[in-house]
Amino acid sequence: MKTKFALLLISLLFLSACTTPSPTEPPAPESVASEEVGAAPTDPPATSLPPTETPPPTATEVPPTPTEIPPTETPTPLPPALVIGEETAADGCTVATLNPVSWSPLFFTYNAGSDPFFHIHTNDQGFFFGMELYTVYGPGWKGELGTFATDCTANGICLYLVPNPPGSYLATKDGSVEITSLSQVDGQVQLPIELKLTNLTFKPVPGGGATGCFHVDELTLKIEAEE
């Protein structure tokens, strides 16, 4: 009896060992995708990169062109209106130079009447130069153009110089005046006026208190019409 029970127990153990199922394989991890046999491999997704921004062009800095300032020209100073030198001319008088470029605008007029004359003179202080040109008083000149002696008695052409007021000087008849332009219409002086004086000798006017004498080589007077 015991022998049969032992055989039966052995038979049951053997049968149980034969029918024990094989251990279950763990499932494939979820991260691994199932691939079908024969299917083409899937390309990995393209990596999206932000667009590359092209930097704006850098402006080329042009250095400023230096402005050339022209040199300032120093104006040439004008000579004195009257220069009394130290030399003595052939007539024995002190050489004087008259510079009309430095004078104020000349005064000019025509005085009508029974003894008409042109009157031209300076307006500067410190010295005086004047001309009286009579058209009736001096028979040698009647107002025409040409060259005439500075003879106050014969031609009515009288020149005055006052280098140091109040002493005044009168030109002698040894000088000359070339009248290029000098006229009047109805008592009005017509411009331009142009006179050239040469070889002038000025001697004191009697009773004027002046002494000595002066010599002027040349003097040109021009008065232009205003534009």
Protein backbone atom coordinates (compact mmCIF):
# COMPACT_ATOMS: atom_id res chain seq x y z
CA MET A 1 0.00 0.00 0.00
CA LYS A 2 2.76 2.42 0.94
CA THR A 3 4.60 1.41 -2.18
CA LYS A 4 1.68 2.44 -4.40
CA PHE A 5 1.28 5.78 -2.66
CA ALA A 6 4.93 6.58 -3.13
CA LEU A 7 4.73 5.75 -6.81
CA LEU A 8 1.64 7.87 -7.18
CA LEU A 9 3.35 10.86 -5.53
CA ILE A 10 6.39 10.51 -7.75
CA SER A 11 4.15 10.33 -10.81
CA LEU A 12 2.36 13.56 -9.80
CA LEU A 13 5.64 15.42 -9.20
CA PHE A 14 6.94 14.34 -12.58
CA LEU A 15 3.75 15.40 -14.33
CA SER A 16 3.82 18.77 -12.60
CA ALA A 17 7.39 19.41 -13.71
CA CYS A 18 6.53 18.63 -17.34
CA THR A 19 3.53 20.94 -17.52
CA THR A 20 5.13 24.01 -15.79
CA PRO A 21 4.93 26.88 -18.34
CA SER A 22 8.13 28.63 -19.46
CA PRO A 23 8.75 31.96 -17.88
CA THR A 24 7.10 34.87 -19.70
CA GLU A 25 9.51 37.16 -21.60
CA PRO A 26 9.28 40.75 -20.58
CA PRO A 27 7.57 43.04 -23.11
CA ALA A 28 9.67 45.20 -25.34
CA PRO A 29 10.25 48.65 -23.94
CA GLU A 30 7.76 51.24 -25.16
CA SER A 31 10.50 53.50 -26.45
CA VAL A 32 11.38 51.02 -29.16
CA ALA A 33 8.89 51.24 -32.03
CA SER A 34 7.83 48.02 -33.74
CA GLU A 35 9.09 47.86 -37.28
CA GLU A 36 7.38 45.89 -39.94
CA VAL A 37 9.52 43.52 -41.79
CA GLY A 38 10.57 44.99 -45.14
CA ALA A 39 9.48 48.59 -44.30
CA ALA A 40 11.92 51.40 -45.15
CA PRO A 41 13.59 53.01 -42.19
CA THR A 42 12.08 56.27 -41.09
CA ASP A 43 14.35 59.36 -41.49
CA PRO A 44 14.87 61.28 -38.29
CA PRO A 45 13.00 64.55 -38.20
CA ALA A 46 14.93 67.58 -39.54
CA THR A 47 16.31 69.87 -36.92
CA SER A 48 14.64 73.32 -37.18
CA LEU A 49 17.25 76.12 -36.89
CA PRO A 50 16.29 79.72 -36.57
CA PRO A 51 16.97 81.77 -39.75
CA THR A 52 20.34 83.41 -39.77
CA GLU A 53 19.95 87.18 -39.70
CA THR A 54 22.33 89.02 -42.01
CA PRO A 55 23.74 92.00 -40.12
CA PRO A 56 23.05 95.34 -41.78
CA PRO A 57 25.95 96.69 -43.81
CA THR A 58 28.24 98.87 -41.81
CA ALA A 59 28.29 102.40 -43.16
CA THR A 60 31.75 103.54 -44.17
CA GLU A 61 32.60 106.63 -42.21
CA VAL A 62 34.09 109.24 -44.53
CA PRO A 63 36.13 111.81 -42.64
CA PRO A 64 34.89 115.36 -43.23
CA THR A 65 36.81 117.34 -45.78
CA PRO A 66 38.50 120.22 -44.02
CA THR A 67 37.34 123.59 -45.29
CA GLU A 68 40.24 125.61 -46.50
CA ILE A 69 39.98 129.15 -45.25
CA PRO A 70 41.69 131.52 -47.62
CA PRO A 71 44.31 133.64 -45.99
CA THR A 72 43.07 137.01 -44.93
CA GLU A 73 44.61 139.68 -47.06
CA THR A 74 45.75 142.64 -45.10
CA PRO A 75 44.68 145.75 -46.98
CA THR A 76 47.48 147.99 -48.05
CA PRO A 77 47.36 151.13 -45.96
CA LEU A 78 46.69 154.29 -47.88
CA PRO A 79 49.40 156.92 -48.05
CA PRO A 80 48.90 160.22 -46.26
CA ALA A 81 46.81 162.79 -48.11
CA LEU A 82 49.78 165.16 -48.15
CA VAL A 83 53.45 164.30 -47.74
CA ILE A 84 56.02 167.07 -47.35
CA GLY A 85 59.45 165.73 -48.13
CA GLU A 86 62.95 166.92 -47.37
CA GLU A 87 64.15 167.27 -50.95
CA THR A 88 64.33 170.53 -52.82
CA ALA A 89 63.14 170.76 -56.44
CA ALA A 90 64.78 172.68 -59.26
CA ASP A 91 62.57 175.70 -58.51
CA GLY A 92 64.10 175.90 -55.03
CA CYS A 93 60.94 174.72 -53.26
CA THR A 94 60.33 171.76 -50.94
CA VAL A 95 58.93 168.72 -52.74
CA ALA A 96 55.39 167.83 -51.65
CA THR A 97 53.30 164.87 -52.75
CA LEU A 98 49.51 165.02 -52.96
CA ASN A 99 47.70 161.63 -52.87
CA PRO A 100 44.08 161.99 -54.02
CA VAL A 101 43.49 158.27 -53.35
CA SER A 102 43.49 159.12 -49.65
CA TRP A 103 41.24 162.17 -49.94
CA SER A 104 37.60 162.38 -49.06
CA PRO A 105 35.26 162.85 -52.05
CA LEU A 106 36.00 166.13 -53.73
CA PHE A 107 33.55 168.99 -53.66
CA PHE A 108 32.70 170.38 -57.11
CA THR A 109 30.26 172.96 -58.42
CA TYR A 110 29.75 175.58 -61.11
CA ASN A 111 29.10 179.14 -59.97
CA ALA A 112 27.16 181.02 -62.62
CA GLY A 113 26.73 184.78 -62.86
CA SER A 114 28.79 187.58 -64.35
CA ASP A 115 32.04 185.91 -63.31
CA PRO A 116 31.32 182.16 -63.67
CA PHE A 117 33.84 179.51 -62.65
CA PHE A 118 34.24 175.85 -61.81
CA HIS A 119 35.13 175.23 -58.19
CA ILE A 120 36.81 172.00 -57.07
CA HIS A 121 38.38 171.43 -53.66
CA THR A 122 39.12 168.87 -50.95
CA ASN A 123 37.10 168.32 -47.76
CA ASP A 124 39.89 166.97 -45.58
CA GLN A 125 41.09 168.47 -42.34
CA GLY A 126 44.72 169.35 -41.86
CA PHE A 127 45.33 170.59 -45.39
CA PHE A 128 43.46 172.12 -48.32
CA PHE A 129 43.78 171.91 -52.08
CA GLY A 130 41.45 173.82 -54.36
CA MET A 131 40.97 174.91 -57.95
CA GLU A 132 39.04 177.86 -59.35
CA LEU A 133 38.73 177.81 -63.14
CA TYR A 134 37.15 181.04 -64.41
CA THR A 135 35.63 181.04 -67.88
CA VAL A 136 35.41 184.88 -68.22
CA TYR A 137 37.94 186.40 -65.86
CA GLY A 138 40.98 184.92 -67.63
CA PRO A 139 40.92 185.66 -71.35
CA GLY A 140 43.30 182.77 -72.09
CA TRP A 141 40.73 180.08 -71.20
CA LYS A 142 37.00 180.06 -71.93
CA GLY A 143 36.10 176.60 -70.68
CA GLU A 144 37.44 174.53 -73.57
CA LEU A 145 39.44 171.31 -73.35
CA GLY A 146 43.20 171.22 -73.81
CA THR A 147 46.40 172.05 -71.96
CA PHE A 148 46.83 175.45 -70.33
CA ALA A 149 49.23 177.22 -68.00
CA THR A 150 48.22 177.49 -64.37
CA ASP A 151 48.17 181.25 -64.72
CA CYS A 152 45.52 182.79 -62.49
CA THR A 153 45.74 186.22 -64.17
CA ALA A 154 46.06 185.29 -67.86
CA ASN A 155 43.92 182.12 -67.95
CA GLY A 156 41.73 182.40 -64.86
CA ILE A 157 43.06 179.02 -63.68
CA CYS A 158 43.90 179.45 -60.01
CA LEU A 159 45.28 176.62 -57.81
CA TYR A 160 45.53 176.88 -54.01
CA LEU A 161 47.39 174.79 -51.45
CA VAL A 162 47.12 175.09 -47.68
CA PRO A 163 49.46 172.47 -46.18
CA ASN A 164 49.37 173.94 -42.69
CA PRO A 165 46.39 176.20 -42.04
CA PRO A 166 46.04 179.11 -42.04
CA GLY A 167 48.96 179.86 -44.43
CA SER A 168 47.87 179.55 -48.09
CA TYR A 169 49.85 179.20 -51.32
CA LEU A 170 48.99 180.01 -54.94
CA ALA A 171 50.35 178.14 -57.98
CA THR A 172 52.57 180.15 -60.30
CA LYS A 173 52.16 180.31 -64.07
CA ASP A 174 55.02 177.80 -64.56
CA GLY A 175 52.75 174.79 -64.12
CA SER A 176 50.24 173.33 -66.56
CA VAL A 177 46.84 171.65 -66.48
CA GLU A 178 45.59 169.20 -69.07
CA ILE A 179 41.78 169.42 -69.15
CA THR A 180 40.44 166.15 -70.53
CA SER A 181 36.85 166.40 -69.25
CA LEU A 182 35.18 169.43 -67.64
CA SER A 183 31.79 170.86 -68.61
CA GLN A 184 28.45 172.14 -67.34
CA VAL A 185 24.87 172.26 -68.63
CA ASP A 186 22.48 174.87 -67.24
CA GLY A 187 24.78 175.43 -64.28
CA GLN A 188 25.14 171.70 -63.46
CA VAL A 189 28.57 170.11 -63.63
CA GLN A 190 28.67 167.15 -65.98
CA LEU A 191 30.65 164.11 -64.92
CA PRO A 192 33.22 162.77 -65.34
CA ILE A 193 35.84 165.39 -64.50
CA GLU A 194 39.44 164.63 -65.40
CA LEU A 195 42.34 167.00 -64.91
CA LYS A 196 46.09 166.35 -64.94
CA LEU A 197 48.38 168.89 -63.26
CA THR A 198 52.16 168.91 -63.72
CA ASN A 199 55.20 170.90 -62.58
CA LEU A 200 53.38 172.98 -59.99
CA THR A 201 55.13 175.62 -57.89
CA PHE A 202 53.18 177.00 -54.94
CA LYS A 203 54.26 180.30 -53.40
CA PRO A 204 52.73 182.19 -50.47
CA VAL A 205 49.66 184.33 -51.09
CA PRO A 206 50.63 187.89 -50.19
CA GLY A 207 49.42 188.78 -46.71
CA GLY A 208 48.50 185.19 -45.85
CA GLY A 209 51.30 184.63 -43.35
CA ALA A 210 52.79 181.63 -45.17
CA THR A 211 56.52 181.20 -45.74
CA GLY A 212 58.66 179.12 -48.04
CA CYS A 213 57.28 177.32 -51.12
CA PHE A 214 56.32 173.86 -52.33
CA HIS A 215 56.78 171.90 -55.54
CA VAL A 216 54.39 169.19 -56.80
CA ASP A 217 55.57 167.10 -59.73
CA GLU A 218 52.23 165.68 -60.82
CA LEU A 219 48.63 165.38 -59.69
CA THR A 220 45.68 163.74 -61.46
CA LEU A 221 42.10 164.40 -60.40
CA LYS A 222 39.23 162.19 -61.53
CA ILE A 223 35.62 162.37 -60.47
CA GLU A 224 33.49 159.61 -61.98
CA ALA A 225 29.74 159.56 -62.39
CA GLU A 226 27.92 157.27 -59.98
CA GLU A 227 26.53 154.09 -61.55
